[in-house]
Every structure is written in C-alpha cells, then in structure tokens.
C-alpha cells in the first residue's frame, strides 16, 4: 500500500473516530423514576427493550472506536503492516480496506475465525468418537 492511500485511509479513520465521538452514547432510560415507585407492568417490557438496545449500541460503538484507535496506532507506529491480515500476513483486498479501514483480517481469515469461534460446533468428525 502506498503512502498516499495510507494517508487517505488515516484521514477517513480520524473522521470516523471524530464522528462517533461527537455522537456520544445513547441514554439508557431508568426503569423507575424514584426509589419507591414500581414500574408500570405495561411499560416495563418496553423500557427493558429500550435499555437493551441502547446498551448494545453503546457497546458496539465502543468496540468500533477501539478498532479505529488500534488502526490509527498501527498506521502511525508501523505503517508497512497496515493493510496486512494479522493471521496470514497477506494484503487485505483494497475494496474491503476502503469500506472498513479498521479491519485487521482478510475475508478468508475472518470467515475461518468466525467459523472456529462458533459455540457448540464440532471442529472435526472425530470429536464425537
């Protein structure tokens, strides 16, 4: 990857980081407004669902910010390694790195990792002998 492409991707990462930081986290509404009141039975499931959605979005946002921070650190500290798959060390396809400049795995290694990380999946036919 040439220096101009790295600079363009770095600028994009900085822009994404600033955008996510400016958005801030989603507010998680409390289940009760004071310590003694009971939540309304009809409203409680909606409040719980809203809390779960907000919590998940905040977690995902935090994970994305960490990925962007790591990608920026890699560009700054070891620019020749940026754009290489961390598992197979082959270049990540340009289209993938353009769409998601924070990725650290090529498609094949990402699929392998996701397949290997699935719970309850047997890895080999001999696992049940």
Protein backbone atom coordinates (compact mmCIF):
# COMPACT_ATOMS: atom_id res chain seq x y z
CA UNK A 1 0.00 0.00 0.00
CA UNK A 2 1.41 3.36 -0.98
CA UNK A 3 1.80 6.36 1.33
CA UNK A 4 -0.99 8.36 -0.35
CA UNK A 5 -3.51 5.55 0.17
CA UNK A 6 -2.44 5.16 3.81
CA UNK A 7 -2.84 8.91 4.36
CA UNK A 8 -6.32 8.88 2.78
CA UNK A 9 -7.36 5.92 4.93
CA UNK A 10 -5.87 7.55 8.04
CA UNK A 11 -7.88 10.72 7.33
CA UNK A 12 -11.01 8.60 6.93
CA UNK A 13 -10.33 6.82 10.23
CA UNK A 14 -9.86 10.15 12.01
CA UNK A 15 -13.12 11.40 10.51
CA UNK A 16 -14.97 8.24 11.61
CA UNK A 17 -13.49 8.49 15.11
CA UNK A 18 -14.50 12.14 15.42
CA UNK A 19 -17.99 11.38 14.14
CA UNK A 20 -18.53 8.52 16.63
CA UNK A 21 -17.11 10.59 19.47
CA UNK A 22 -19.32 13.57 18.63
CA UNK A 23 -22.45 11.41 18.57
CA UNK A 24 -21.89 10.35 22.15
CA UNK A 25 -23.55 7.39 23.80
CA UNK A 26 -27.25 6.68 23.81
CA UNK A 27 -29.06 7.48 27.03
CA UNK A 28 -30.32 4.42 28.86
CA UNK A 29 -33.68 5.29 30.45
CA UNK A 30 -34.14 4.20 34.06
CA UNK A 31 -36.76 1.57 34.85
CA UNK A 32 -38.06 3.71 37.73
CA UNK A 33 -38.12 7.44 38.23
CA UNK A 34 -37.69 7.21 42.02
CA UNK A 35 -36.67 4.62 44.60
CA UNK A 36 -40.16 3.75 45.86
CA UNK A 37 -42.32 3.61 42.73
CA UNK A 38 -42.95 0.36 40.90
CA UNK A 39 -42.56 0.27 37.12
CA UNK A 40 -45.80 0.10 35.18
CA UNK A 41 -46.42 -3.54 34.17
CA UNK A 42 -47.33 -2.50 30.64
CA UNK A 43 -44.38 -0.17 30.27
CA UNK A 44 -41.72 -2.40 31.86
CA UNK A 45 -41.06 -4.64 28.79
CA UNK A 46 -40.71 -1.59 26.53
CA UNK A 47 -38.33 0.07 28.98
CA UNK A 48 -36.27 -3.11 29.24
CA UNK A 49 -36.10 -3.47 25.47
CA UNK A 50 -35.07 0.19 25.09
CA UNK A 51 -32.36 -0.27 27.72
CA UNK A 52 -31.05 -3.37 25.96
CA UNK A 53 -30.95 -1.69 22.55
CA UNK A 54 -29.19 1.39 23.91
CA UNK A 55 -26.71 -0.72 25.85
CA UNK A 56 -25.90 -2.87 22.80
CA UNK A 57 -25.43 0.17 20.58
CA UNK A 58 -23.15 1.82 23.15
CA UNK A 59 -21.09 -1.38 23.44
CA UNK A 60 -20.80 -1.74 19.65
CA UNK A 61 -19.86 1.93 19.36
CA UNK A 62 -17.15 1.47 21.98
CA UNK A 63 -15.81 -1.59 20.18
CA UNK A 64 -15.71 0.29 16.86
CA UNK A 65 -13.89 3.22 18.48
CA UNK A 66 -11.31 0.78 19.88
CA UNK A 67 -10.85 -0.79 16.43
CA UNK A 68 -10.39 2.65 14.88
CA UNK A 69 -7.94 3.66 17.62
CA UNK A 70 -5.93 0.46 17.02
CA UNK A 71 -5.90 1.05 13.25
CA UNK A 72 -4.68 4.62 13.73
CA UNK A 73 -1.94 3.41 16.08
CA UNK A 74 -0.85 0.81 13.54
CA UNK A 75 -0.69 3.40 10.74
CA UNK A 76 1.38 5.73 12.93
CA UNK A 77 3.69 3.14 14.52
CA UNK A 78 4.13 0.53 11.78
CA UNK A 79 2.70 1.83 8.50
CA UNK A 80 4.05 -1.06 6.43
CA UNK A 81 1.93 -3.52 8.46
CA UNK A 82 -1.29 -1.57 7.91
CA UNK A 83 -3.48 -3.35 5.38
CA UNK A 84 -1.94 -6.78 6.00
CA UNK A 85 -4.01 -9.58 7.51
CA UNK A 86 -2.87 -10.25 11.06
CA UNK A 87 -3.37 -14.02 10.63
CA UNK A 88 -1.98 -14.86 7.18
CA UNK A 89 0.01 -11.62 6.63
CA UNK A 90 -1.34 -11.30 3.08
CA UNK A 91 -2.63 -7.91 1.87
CA UNK A 92 -6.30 -7.26 2.64
CA UNK A 93 -8.19 -6.58 -0.58
CA UNK A 94 -8.42 -2.88 -1.43
CA UNK A 95 -12.23 -2.86 -1.58
CA UNK A 96 -12.50 -4.33 1.94
CA UNK A 97 -9.98 -1.91 3.46
CA UNK A 98 -11.69 1.01 1.68
CA UNK A 99 -15.08 0.10 3.14
CA UNK A 100 -13.81 -0.78 6.61
CA UNK A 101 -10.36 0.75 7.16
CA UNK A 102 -10.24 -0.66 10.71
CA UNK A 103 -10.28 -4.34 9.64
CA UNK A 104 -7.29 -6.50 10.52
CA UNK A 105 -8.27 -9.75 8.77
CA UNK A 106 -8.77 -10.71 5.15
CA UNK A 107 -12.12 -12.25 4.22
CA UNK A 108 -10.82 -15.84 4.31
CA UNK A 109 -9.25 -15.47 7.77
CA UNK A 110 -12.32 -13.60 9.09
CA UNK A 111 -14.57 -16.44 7.91
CA UNK A 112 -12.25 -19.03 9.43
CA UNK A 113 -12.12 -17.22 12.75
CA UNK A 114 -15.91 -16.83 12.88
CA UNK A 115 -16.41 -20.48 11.96
CA UNK A 116 -13.91 -21.60 14.63
CA UNK A 117 -15.42 -19.32 17.29
CA UNK A 118 -18.98 -20.60 16.94
CA UNK A 119 -20.04 -22.29 20.17
CA UNK A 120 -21.25 -25.84 20.03
CA UNK A 121 -19.77 -26.59 16.65
CA UNK A 122 -17.65 -29.65 16.32
CA UNK A 123 -14.34 -28.96 14.70
CA UNK A 124 -13.67 -32.44 13.40
CA UNK A 125 -15.68 -35.59 12.68
CA UNK A 126 -13.56 -37.45 15.24
CA UNK A 127 -14.68 -35.12 18.05
CA UNK A 128 -17.56 -37.48 18.92
CA UNK A 129 -15.85 -40.88 18.66
